[in-house]
Amino acid sequence: MKYSEIELKRMIKAGDLSIEDQIKFNILNFIRTIHLNKQDFIQESYGTEFYGELPMTFRKTAGQVMGVITVKTGGDERTYVFNDRGYELLDDLLQLK
């Protein structure tokens, strides 16, 4: 999904979000923080963890062009890749067509 400030604001107004929308919101909000802080995405490193009902980790080493997000929902664990322009579910990227 491409980063969109408009989408993020729409989700804030919507209120009660599904698990999928909560994941989307948290990732977009993390990317928004990168933009607000005017960080050079490639030069920065990230090691952020969110706790609570929807545990998430955001990891990236300085110099890398992509970071990795791990999301735990119930017994399920999902992996996403992200940069300052958006994110994608890793399984979707690895599917052969």
N, C-alpha and C. Protein backbone atom coordinates (compact mmCIF):
# COMPACT_ATOMS: atom_id res chain seq x y z
N MET A 1 0.84 -1.17 0.00
CA MET A 1 0.00 0.00 0.00
C MET A 1 0.89 1.23 0.00
N LYS A 2 0.56 2.16 -0.85
CA LYS A 2 1.28 3.41 -0.93
C LYS A 2 0.90 4.30 0.24
N TYR A 3 1.88 5.00 0.81
CA TYR A 3 1.61 5.91 1.92
C TYR A 3 0.67 7.01 1.49
N SER A 4 -0.33 7.30 2.31
CA SER A 4 -1.30 8.34 2.02
C SER A 4 -1.75 9.02 3.30
N GLU A 5 -1.48 10.28 3.41
CA GLU A 5 -1.92 11.07 4.56
C GLU A 5 -3.46 11.12 4.60
N ILE A 6 -4.07 11.20 3.45
CA ILE A 6 -5.54 11.24 3.36
C ILE A 6 -6.15 9.95 3.91
N GLU A 7 -5.57 8.81 3.55
CA GLU A 7 -6.07 7.52 4.05
C GLU A 7 -5.93 7.44 5.56
N LEU A 8 -4.83 7.91 6.09
CA LEU A 8 -4.60 7.90 7.53
C LEU A 8 -5.65 8.75 8.25
N LYS A 9 -5.92 9.93 7.73
CA LYS A 9 -6.93 10.80 8.36
C LYS A 9 -8.33 10.20 8.26
N ARG A 10 -8.63 9.53 7.15
CA ARG A 10 -9.92 8.87 6.99
C ARG A 10 -10.11 7.79 8.06
N MET A 11 -9.04 7.05 8.33
CA MET A 11 -9.11 5.99 9.32
C MET A 11 -9.29 6.53 10.73
N ILE A 12 -8.67 7.66 11.01
CA ILE A 12 -8.84 8.30 12.32
C ILE A 12 -10.30 8.68 12.53
N LYS A 13 -10.92 9.24 11.50
CA LYS A 13 -12.33 9.65 11.60
C LYS A 13 -13.26 8.45 11.71
N ALA A 14 -12.88 7.31 11.10
CA ALA A 14 -13.74 6.13 11.09
C ALA A 14 -13.94 5.56 12.48
N GLY A 15 -12.93 5.68 13.34
CA GLY A 15 -13.09 5.19 14.71
C GLY A 15 -12.79 3.72 14.85
N ASP A 16 -13.80 2.90 15.18
CA ASP A 16 -13.64 1.48 15.46
C ASP A 16 -13.10 0.74 14.23
N LEU A 17 -11.85 0.28 14.31
CA LEU A 17 -11.18 -0.33 13.17
C LEU A 17 -11.06 -1.85 13.33
N SER A 18 -11.18 -2.56 12.22
CA SER A 18 -10.94 -4.01 12.22
C SER A 18 -9.45 -4.25 12.46
N ILE A 19 -9.07 -5.49 12.71
CA ILE A 19 -7.66 -5.83 12.90
C ILE A 19 -6.85 -5.42 11.67
N GLU A 20 -7.36 -5.72 10.48
CA GLU A 20 -6.66 -5.35 9.25
C GLU A 20 -6.45 -3.84 9.17
N ASP A 21 -7.47 -3.08 9.51
CA ASP A 21 -7.36 -1.63 9.47
C ASP A 21 -6.43 -1.09 10.56
N GLN A 22 -6.41 -1.76 11.72
CA GLN A 22 -5.49 -1.36 12.79
C GLN A 22 -4.04 -1.55 12.35
N ILE A 23 -3.76 -2.67 11.67
CA ILE A 23 -2.42 -2.92 11.14
C ILE A 23 -2.06 -1.83 10.14
N LYS A 24 -2.97 -1.60 9.22
CA LYS A 24 -2.77 -0.57 8.19
C LYS A 24 -2.52 0.79 8.84
N PHE A 25 -3.34 1.15 9.81
CA PHE A 25 -3.21 2.43 10.49
C PHE A 25 -1.86 2.55 11.18
N ASN A 26 -1.45 1.52 11.93
CA ASN A 26 -0.19 1.57 12.65
C ASN A 26 1.00 1.72 11.71
N ILE A 27 0.98 1.00 10.60
CA ILE A 27 2.08 1.09 9.63
C ILE A 27 2.10 2.47 8.98
N LEU A 28 0.95 2.94 8.53
CA LEU A 28 0.89 4.27 7.91
C LEU A 28 1.30 5.37 8.89
N ASN A 29 0.91 5.22 10.14
CA ASN A 29 1.26 6.21 11.16
C ASN A 29 2.77 6.20 11.43
N PHE A 30 3.39 5.02 11.40
CA PHE A 30 4.84 4.93 11.56
C PHE A 30 5.55 5.65 10.40
N ILE A 31 5.08 5.40 9.19
CA ILE A 31 5.65 6.06 8.02
C ILE A 31 5.43 7.57 8.11
N ARG A 32 4.27 7.97 8.60
CA ARG A 32 3.97 9.40 8.77
C ARG A 32 4.98 10.04 9.72
N THR A 33 5.34 9.34 10.79
CA THR A 33 6.31 9.85 11.74
C THR A 33 7.67 10.08 11.07
N ILE A 34 8.05 9.19 10.18
CA ILE A 34 9.29 9.35 9.42
C ILE A 34 9.24 10.67 8.63
N HIS A 35 8.10 10.91 7.97
CA HIS A 35 7.93 12.14 7.18
C HIS A 35 7.93 13.38 8.08
N LEU A 36 7.18 13.32 9.18
CA LEU A 36 7.08 14.49 10.07
C LEU A 36 8.44 14.86 10.67
N ASN A 37 9.26 13.85 10.96
CA ASN A 37 10.58 14.10 11.54
C ASN A 37 11.64 14.40 10.47
N LYS A 38 11.21 14.40 9.20
CA LYS A 38 12.10 14.70 8.07
C LYS A 38 13.36 13.85 8.11
N GLN A 39 13.17 12.56 8.38
CA GLN A 39 14.28 11.63 8.46
C GLN A 39 14.68 11.15 7.06
N ASP A 40 15.96 10.94 6.87
CA ASP A 40 16.48 10.32 5.65
C ASP A 40 16.32 8.82 5.84
N PHE A 41 15.31 8.25 5.21
CA PHE A 41 14.93 6.86 5.47
C PHE A 41 16.11 5.90 5.32
N ILE A 42 16.88 6.03 4.26
CA ILE A 42 17.97 5.09 4.01
C ILE A 42 19.06 5.21 5.08
N GLN A 43 19.34 6.38 5.56
CA GLN A 43 20.40 6.58 6.55
C GLN A 43 19.97 6.23 7.98
N GLU A 44 18.68 6.16 8.23
CA GLU A 44 18.18 5.88 9.57
C GLU A 44 18.12 4.38 9.84
N SER A 45 18.16 4.03 11.12
CA SER A 45 17.89 2.65 11.53
C SER A 45 16.69 2.70 12.48
N TYR A 46 15.93 1.62 12.47
CA TYR A 46 14.73 1.54 13.31
C TYR A 46 14.72 0.23 14.07
N GLY A 47 14.30 0.29 15.30
CA GLY A 47 14.15 -0.89 16.15
C GLY A 47 13.00 -0.64 17.11
N THR A 48 11.86 -0.34 16.56
CA THR A 48 10.69 0.06 17.33
C THR A 48 9.77 -1.13 17.60
N GLU A 49 9.24 -1.20 18.81
CA GLU A 49 8.29 -2.26 19.16
C GLU A 49 7.03 -1.64 19.74
N PHE A 50 5.87 -2.10 19.25
CA PHE A 50 4.58 -1.74 19.82
C PHE A 50 4.09 -2.94 20.62
N TYR A 51 3.60 -2.71 21.82
CA TYR A 51 3.07 -3.78 22.66
C TYR A 51 1.56 -3.61 22.77
N GLY A 52 0.91 -4.55 23.40
CA GLY A 52 -0.52 -4.46 23.62
C GLY A 52 -1.27 -5.51 22.84
N GLU A 53 -2.50 -5.18 22.46
CA GLU A 53 -3.36 -6.14 21.77
C GLU A 53 -2.84 -6.52 20.39
N LEU A 54 -2.05 -5.64 19.78
CA LEU A 54 -1.54 -5.86 18.43
C LEU A 54 -0.03 -5.59 18.42
N PRO A 55 0.76 -6.56 18.91
CA PRO A 55 2.22 -6.35 18.95
C PRO A 55 2.81 -6.25 17.54
N MET A 56 3.68 -5.25 17.37
CA MET A 56 4.32 -5.02 16.08
C MET A 56 5.77 -4.60 16.31
N THR A 57 6.65 -5.01 15.40
CA THR A 57 8.03 -4.53 15.44
C THR A 57 8.38 -3.93 14.09
N PHE A 58 9.14 -2.85 14.12
CA PHE A 58 9.63 -2.18 12.92
C PHE A 58 11.15 -2.21 13.01
N ARG A 59 11.80 -2.87 12.03
CA ARG A 59 13.25 -3.02 12.06
C ARG A 59 13.86 -2.62 10.72
N LYS A 60 14.96 -1.87 10.81
CA LYS A 60 15.73 -1.53 9.62
C LYS A 60 17.09 -1.05 10.07
N THR A 61 18.12 -1.47 9.35
CA THR A 61 19.49 -1.05 9.61
C THR A 61 19.83 0.12 8.69
N ALA A 62 20.62 1.05 9.19
CA ALA A 62 21.06 2.18 8.36
C ALA A 62 21.72 1.67 7.09
N GLY A 63 21.37 2.27 5.97
CA GLY A 63 21.90 1.88 4.67
C GLY A 63 20.98 0.97 3.88
N GLN A 64 20.06 0.31 4.56
CA GLN A 64 19.11 -0.56 3.86
C GLN A 64 18.02 0.29 3.22
N VAL A 65 17.49 -0.19 2.08
CA VAL A 65 16.44 0.55 1.39
C VAL A 65 15.05 0.10 1.82
N MET A 66 14.95 -1.03 2.51
CA MET A 66 13.67 -1.56 2.99
C MET A 66 13.82 -1.99 4.45
N GLY A 67 12.73 -1.90 5.18
CA GLY A 67 12.69 -2.39 6.55
C GLY A 67 11.71 -3.54 6.64
N VAL A 68 11.65 -4.19 7.79
CA VAL A 68 10.78 -5.33 8.02
C VAL A 68 9.87 -5.03 9.20
N ILE A 69 8.60 -5.36 9.03
CA ILE A 69 7.60 -5.21 10.09
C ILE A 69 7.07 -6.60 10.40
N THR A 70 7.01 -6.93 11.69
CA THR A 70 6.41 -8.19 12.13
C THR A 70 5.18 -7.84 12.95
N VAL A 71 4.07 -8.48 12.61
CA VAL A 71 2.80 -8.25 13.31
C VAL A 71 2.30 -9.58 13.86
N LYS A 72 1.93 -9.60 15.14
CA LYS A 72 1.39 -10.81 15.75
C LYS A 72 -0.09 -10.60 16.06
N THR A 73 -0.93 -11.43 15.46
CA THR A 73 -2.37 -11.36 15.71
C THR A 73 -2.82 -12.74 16.13
N GLY A 74 -3.21 -12.89 17.38
CA GLY A 74 -3.59 -14.21 17.88
C GLY A 74 -2.41 -15.15 17.76
N GLY A 75 -2.60 -16.28 17.10
CA GLY A 75 -1.51 -17.22 16.87
C GLY A 75 -0.81 -17.00 15.55
N ASP A 76 -1.21 -15.98 14.82
CA ASP A 76 -0.69 -15.71 13.48
C ASP A 76 0.41 -14.66 13.55
N GLU A 77 1.42 -14.81 12.69
CA GLU A 77 2.47 -13.80 12.58
C GLU A 77 2.62 -13.44 11.11
N ARG A 78 2.59 -12.15 10.82
CA ARG A 78 2.72 -11.66 9.44
C ARG A 78 3.98 -10.81 9.33
N THR A 79 4.57 -10.85 8.15
CA THR A 79 5.76 -10.04 7.88
C THR A 79 5.48 -9.13 6.70
N TYR A 80 5.80 -7.86 6.88
CA TYR A 80 5.65 -6.85 5.85
C TYR A 80 7.02 -6.23 5.59
N VAL A 81 7.21 -5.70 4.39
CA VAL A 81 8.37 -4.87 4.11
C VAL A 81 7.86 -3.44 3.93
N PHE A 82 8.71 -2.46 4.29
CA PHE A 82 8.26 -1.07 4.19
C PHE A 82 9.43 -0.16 3.84
N ASN A 83 9.07 1.00 3.33
CA ASN A 83 10.01 2.11 3.18
C ASN A 83 9.23 3.39 3.46
N ASP A 84 9.79 4.52 3.13
CA ASP A 84 9.12 5.78 3.43
C ASP A 84 7.99 6.10 2.47
N ARG A 85 7.74 5.24 1.50
CA ARG A 85 6.68 5.47 0.52
C ARG A 85 5.51 4.50 0.64
N GLY A 86 5.67 3.45 1.48
CA GLY A 86 4.58 2.50 1.63
C GLY A 86 5.05 1.17 2.19
N TYR A 87 4.19 0.17 2.08
CA TYR A 87 4.50 -1.15 2.62
C TYR A 87 3.77 -2.22 1.81
N GLU A 88 4.20 -3.47 2.01
CA GLU A 88 3.59 -4.60 1.31
C GLU A 88 3.76 -5.86 2.16
N LEU A 89 2.76 -6.72 2.15
CA LEU A 89 2.85 -8.01 2.82
C LEU A 89 3.90 -8.85 2.10
N LEU A 90 4.86 -9.40 2.84
CA LEU A 90 5.95 -10.14 2.23
C LEU A 90 5.44 -11.34 1.42
N ASP A 91 4.45 -12.06 1.94
CA ASP A 91 3.90 -13.21 1.21
C ASP A 91 3.37 -12.81 -0.17
N ASP A 92 2.77 -11.64 -0.26
CA ASP A 92 2.27 -11.16 -1.55
C ASP A 92 3.41 -10.88 -2.53
N LEU A 93 4.53 -10.39 -2.02
CA LEU A 93 5.67 -10.11 -2.88
C LEU A 93 6.34 -11.39 -3.38
N LEU A 94 6.27 -12.45 -2.58
CA LEU A 94 6.97 -13.68 -2.92
C LEU A 94 6.15 -14.65 -3.77
N GLN A 95 4.87 -14.37 -3.96
CA GLN A 95 4.03 -15.25 -4.76
C GLN A 95 4.46 -15.23 -6.20
N LEU A 96 4.55 -16.43 -6.77
CA LEU A 96 4.86 -16.55 -8.19
C LEU A 96 3.55 -16.57 -8.96
N LYS A 97 3.53 -15.89 -10.08
CA LYS A 97 2.29 -15.85 -10.87
C LYS A 97 2.49 -16.59 -12.15
